[in-house]
Amino acid sequence: MDKLGHLTTTQKPGMPELEQNLAQDLLRGADELAEFLYGDREQRRKVYHLAATSQIPVFKLGSMICARKSVLLKWIKDQEDRRANLSNQTT
């Protein structure tokens, strides 16, 4: 919704803005996760492996693995920060 209360082009009628944002943040299935993480849907087996070994923050909706883009981006940043801190400690 814009400042005047009109629907924006990406917002669906009848759906509150918060729910819209949450829906857009959700990645559904290994294909979408692989596309987001690797830029290639064919890498879904890597996603299944990471999910099975609890190395990536995912959850299940029924039998489908899902993740939030925002959570994955924060997780990646935390991994980078952790790596940077380890290299700073060794120098």
N, C-alpha and C. Protein backbone atom coordinates (compact mmCIF):
# COMPACT_ATOMS: atom_id res chain seq x y z
N MET A 1 0.83 -1.17 0.00
CA MET A 1 0.00 0.00 0.00
C MET A 1 0.89 1.25 0.00
N ASP A 2 0.51 2.24 -0.78
CA ASP A 2 1.30 3.47 -0.79
C ASP A 2 0.86 4.37 0.36
N LYS A 3 1.43 5.57 0.43
CA LYS A 3 1.13 6.49 1.54
C LYS A 3 -0.32 6.95 1.54
N LEU A 4 -0.98 6.89 0.39
CA LEU A 4 -2.37 7.31 0.31
C LEU A 4 -3.34 6.16 0.57
N GLY A 5 -2.81 4.97 0.79
CA GLY A 5 -3.66 3.83 1.09
C GLY A 5 -4.10 3.05 -0.13
N HIS A 6 -3.54 3.35 -1.29
CA HIS A 6 -3.88 2.62 -2.51
C HIS A 6 -3.04 1.35 -2.61
N LEU A 7 -3.61 0.31 -3.20
CA LEU A 7 -2.86 -0.93 -3.40
C LEU A 7 -1.72 -0.69 -4.37
N THR A 8 -0.56 -1.26 -4.03
CA THR A 8 0.56 -1.20 -4.96
C THR A 8 0.38 -2.31 -5.99
N THR A 9 1.17 -2.28 -7.04
CA THR A 9 1.01 -3.26 -8.11
C THR A 9 1.35 -4.68 -7.66
N THR A 10 2.20 -4.84 -6.63
CA THR A 10 2.58 -6.18 -6.19
C THR A 10 1.70 -6.71 -5.08
N GLN A 11 0.88 -5.86 -4.47
CA GLN A 11 0.05 -6.32 -3.36
C GLN A 11 -1.26 -6.89 -3.88
N LYS A 12 -1.63 -8.04 -3.33
CA LYS A 12 -2.88 -8.68 -3.72
C LYS A 12 -4.02 -8.08 -2.92
N PRO A 13 -5.17 -7.82 -3.55
CA PRO A 13 -6.32 -7.28 -2.83
C PRO A 13 -6.77 -8.24 -1.73
N GLY A 14 -7.13 -7.69 -0.60
CA GLY A 14 -7.65 -8.49 0.50
C GLY A 14 -6.58 -9.12 1.37
N MET A 15 -5.31 -9.00 1.02
CA MET A 15 -4.24 -9.58 1.82
C MET A 15 -3.48 -8.45 2.52
N PRO A 16 -3.43 -8.47 3.86
CA PRO A 16 -2.69 -7.43 4.58
C PRO A 16 -1.23 -7.38 4.15
N GLU A 17 -0.64 -6.19 4.25
CA GLU A 17 0.73 -5.98 3.79
C GLU A 17 1.72 -6.89 4.50
N LEU A 18 1.56 -7.09 5.81
CA LEU A 18 2.47 -7.97 6.55
C LEU A 18 2.42 -9.38 6.00
N GLU A 19 1.23 -9.90 5.74
CA GLU A 19 1.11 -11.24 5.19
C GLU A 19 1.73 -11.31 3.79
N GLN A 20 1.57 -10.25 2.99
CA GLN A 20 2.19 -10.19 1.67
C GLN A 20 3.70 -10.32 1.79
N ASN A 21 4.29 -9.54 2.72
CA ASN A 21 5.74 -9.57 2.90
C ASN A 21 6.21 -10.94 3.36
N LEU A 22 5.48 -11.56 4.27
CA LEU A 22 5.86 -12.89 4.74
C LEU A 22 5.78 -13.90 3.61
N ALA A 23 4.74 -13.82 2.79
CA ALA A 23 4.59 -14.75 1.68
C ALA A 23 5.72 -14.57 0.67
N GLN A 24 6.12 -13.33 0.41
CA GLN A 24 7.21 -13.07 -0.55
C GLN A 24 8.56 -13.51 0.01
N ASP A 25 8.68 -13.60 1.32
CA ASP A 25 9.92 -13.99 1.98
C ASP A 25 10.11 -15.50 2.02
N LEU A 26 9.06 -16.26 1.75
CA LEU A 26 9.09 -17.71 1.89
C LEU A 26 9.59 -18.40 0.63
N LEU A 27 10.53 -19.30 0.80
CA LEU A 27 11.00 -20.17 -0.27
C LEU A 27 10.40 -21.54 -0.04
N ARG A 28 9.71 -22.08 -1.03
CA ARG A 28 9.01 -23.36 -0.90
C ARG A 28 9.68 -24.41 -1.76
N GLY A 29 10.19 -25.44 -1.13
CA GLY A 29 10.78 -26.56 -1.85
C GLY A 29 12.27 -26.40 -2.12
N ALA A 30 12.90 -27.52 -2.33
CA ALA A 30 14.35 -27.55 -2.56
C ALA A 30 14.73 -26.81 -3.84
N ASP A 31 13.86 -26.83 -4.85
CA ASP A 31 14.16 -26.11 -6.09
C ASP A 31 14.32 -24.61 -5.85
N GLU A 32 13.36 -24.02 -5.11
CA GLU A 32 13.43 -22.58 -4.83
C GLU A 32 14.62 -22.25 -3.94
N LEU A 33 14.89 -23.11 -2.96
CA LEU A 33 16.05 -22.87 -2.10
C LEU A 33 17.35 -22.95 -2.90
N ALA A 34 17.45 -23.93 -3.79
CA ALA A 34 18.64 -24.08 -4.62
C ALA A 34 18.82 -22.88 -5.55
N GLU A 35 17.74 -22.40 -6.12
CA GLU A 35 17.80 -21.21 -6.98
C GLU A 35 18.28 -20.01 -6.19
N PHE A 36 17.77 -19.84 -4.98
CA PHE A 36 18.16 -18.70 -4.14
C PHE A 36 19.62 -18.80 -3.69
N LEU A 37 20.05 -19.98 -3.26
CA LEU A 37 21.40 -20.14 -2.71
C LEU A 37 22.48 -20.28 -3.78
N TYR A 38 22.17 -21.04 -4.83
CA TYR A 38 23.19 -21.38 -5.83
C TYR A 38 22.93 -20.79 -7.21
N GLY A 39 21.74 -20.21 -7.41
CA GLY A 39 21.39 -19.69 -8.72
C GLY A 39 21.09 -20.79 -9.72
N ASP A 40 20.82 -21.99 -9.23
CA ASP A 40 20.61 -23.15 -10.10
C ASP A 40 19.69 -24.15 -9.40
N ARG A 41 18.52 -24.35 -9.95
CA ARG A 41 17.56 -25.29 -9.36
C ARG A 41 18.07 -26.72 -9.36
N GLU A 42 19.02 -27.02 -10.24
CA GLU A 42 19.58 -28.38 -10.32
C GLU A 42 20.42 -28.74 -9.08
N GLN A 43 20.73 -27.77 -8.26
CA GLN A 43 21.53 -28.00 -7.05
C GLN A 43 20.67 -28.41 -5.85
N ARG A 44 19.45 -28.84 -6.10
CA ARG A 44 18.54 -29.16 -4.99
C ARG A 44 19.05 -30.31 -4.12
N ARG A 45 19.85 -31.22 -4.67
CA ARG A 45 20.40 -32.31 -3.85
C ARG A 45 21.32 -31.76 -2.77
N LYS A 46 22.05 -30.69 -3.07
CA LYS A 46 22.88 -30.04 -2.05
C LYS A 46 22.00 -29.47 -0.94
N VAL A 47 20.87 -28.91 -1.32
CA VAL A 47 19.93 -28.36 -0.33
C VAL A 47 19.42 -29.49 0.56
N TYR A 48 19.03 -30.61 -0.03
CA TYR A 48 18.56 -31.76 0.76
C TYR A 48 19.66 -32.22 1.73
N HIS A 49 20.89 -32.26 1.26
CA HIS A 49 22.00 -32.68 2.13
C HIS A 49 22.18 -31.70 3.28
N LEU A 50 22.21 -30.40 2.98
CA LEU A 50 22.37 -29.40 4.04
C LEU A 50 21.23 -29.47 5.04
N ALA A 51 20.02 -29.68 4.55
CA ALA A 51 18.86 -29.77 5.44
C ALA A 51 18.94 -31.02 6.32
N ALA A 52 19.35 -32.14 5.73
CA ALA A 52 19.43 -33.41 6.47
C ALA A 52 20.50 -33.37 7.54
N THR A 53 21.56 -32.61 7.32
CA THR A 53 22.66 -32.53 8.28
C THR A 53 22.54 -31.30 9.19
N SER A 54 21.40 -30.65 9.14
CA SER A 54 21.10 -29.48 10.00
C SER A 54 22.14 -28.37 9.86
N GLN A 55 22.65 -28.19 8.66
CA GLN A 55 23.64 -27.14 8.44
C GLN A 55 23.02 -25.87 7.86
N ILE A 56 21.72 -25.86 7.68
CA ILE A 56 21.04 -24.72 7.08
C ILE A 56 19.69 -24.54 7.78
N PRO A 57 19.27 -23.31 8.03
CA PRO A 57 18.01 -23.09 8.76
C PRO A 57 16.78 -23.27 7.86
N VAL A 58 16.20 -24.46 7.92
CA VAL A 58 15.00 -24.77 7.15
C VAL A 58 13.93 -25.32 8.09
N PHE A 59 12.73 -25.40 7.59
CA PHE A 59 11.63 -26.02 8.32
C PHE A 59 10.76 -26.73 7.30
N LYS A 60 9.87 -27.56 7.77
CA LYS A 60 9.00 -28.32 6.86
C LYS A 60 7.56 -27.85 6.97
N LEU A 61 6.93 -27.75 5.82
CA LEU A 61 5.49 -27.58 5.73
C LEU A 61 4.98 -28.87 5.10
N GLY A 62 4.48 -29.75 5.94
CA GLY A 62 4.15 -31.09 5.45
C GLY A 62 5.45 -31.81 5.14
N SER A 63 5.59 -32.25 3.91
CA SER A 63 6.83 -32.92 3.51
C SER A 63 7.77 -32.01 2.74
N MET A 64 7.37 -30.76 2.52
CA MET A 64 8.16 -29.81 1.72
C MET A 64 9.09 -29.00 2.62
N ILE A 65 10.39 -28.97 2.26
CA ILE A 65 11.30 -28.12 3.03
C ILE A 65 11.13 -26.68 2.57
N CYS A 66 11.18 -25.78 3.54
CA CYS A 66 10.98 -24.36 3.28
C CYS A 66 11.98 -23.56 4.09
N ALA A 67 12.16 -22.31 3.72
CA ALA A 67 13.01 -21.40 4.46
C ALA A 67 12.58 -19.98 4.13
N ARG A 68 12.91 -19.07 5.00
CA ARG A 68 12.66 -17.66 4.74
C ARG A 68 13.93 -17.05 4.17
N LYS A 69 13.78 -16.25 3.13
CA LYS A 69 14.93 -15.57 2.52
C LYS A 69 15.67 -14.75 3.56
N SER A 70 14.93 -14.02 4.39
CA SER A 70 15.54 -13.15 5.39
C SER A 70 16.37 -13.96 6.40
N VAL A 71 15.88 -15.12 6.78
CA VAL A 71 16.61 -15.97 7.73
C VAL A 71 17.88 -16.52 7.08
N LEU A 72 17.76 -16.95 5.82
CA LEU A 72 18.94 -17.46 5.11
C LEU A 72 20.00 -16.38 4.93
N LEU A 73 19.58 -15.16 4.59
CA LEU A 73 20.54 -14.07 4.43
C LEU A 73 21.25 -13.75 5.74
N LYS A 74 20.51 -13.78 6.85
CA LYS A 74 21.13 -13.55 8.16
C LYS A 74 22.08 -14.69 8.50
N TRP A 75 21.68 -15.93 8.20
CA TRP A 75 22.53 -17.09 8.46
C TRP A 75 23.82 -17.00 7.66
N ILE A 76 23.73 -16.61 6.39
CA ILE A 76 24.92 -16.45 5.56
C ILE A 76 25.83 -15.38 6.13
N LYS A 77 25.25 -14.24 6.53
CA LYS A 77 26.05 -13.17 7.13
C LYS A 77 26.74 -13.64 8.41
N ASP A 78 26.02 -14.38 9.24
CA ASP A 78 26.61 -14.92 10.47
C ASP A 78 27.76 -15.87 10.15
N GLN A 79 27.61 -16.68 9.10
CA GLN A 79 28.69 -17.59 8.69
C GLN A 79 29.92 -16.79 8.26
N GLU A 80 29.68 -15.73 7.49
CA GLU A 80 30.79 -14.87 7.04
C GLU A 80 31.48 -14.19 8.22
N ASP A 81 30.68 -13.67 9.15
CA ASP A 81 31.24 -13.00 10.33
C ASP A 81 32.04 -13.98 11.18
N ARG A 82 31.51 -15.18 11.35
CA ARG A 82 32.22 -16.20 12.13
C ARG A 82 33.55 -16.55 11.48
N ARG A 83 33.54 -16.68 10.17
CA ARG A 83 34.77 -16.99 9.43
C ARG A 83 35.79 -15.84 9.56
N ALA A 84 35.31 -14.60 9.47
CA ALA A 84 36.19 -13.45 9.60
C ALA A 84 36.80 -13.38 11.01
N ASN A 85 35.99 -13.68 12.03
CA ASN A 85 36.49 -13.67 13.39
C ASN A 85 37.55 -14.75 13.61
N LEU A 86 37.35 -15.92 13.02
CA LEU A 86 38.34 -16.99 13.15
C LEU A 86 39.67 -16.61 12.48
N SER A 87 39.59 -15.98 11.31
CA SER A 87 40.83 -15.60 10.63
C SER A 87 41.53 -14.46 11.36
N ASN A 88 40.78 -13.58 12.02
CA ASN A 88 41.38 -12.49 12.80
C ASN A 88 42.09 -13.03 14.05
N GLN A 89 41.57 -14.10 14.61
CA GLN A 89 42.17 -14.69 15.81
C GLN A 89 43.49 -15.39 15.50
N THR A 90 43.63 -15.88 14.29
CA THR A 90 44.86 -16.62 13.94
C THR A 90 45.97 -15.70 13.47
N THR A 91 45.67 -14.43 13.21
CA THR A 91 46.73 -13.51 12.76
C THR A 91 47.24 -12.66 13.87
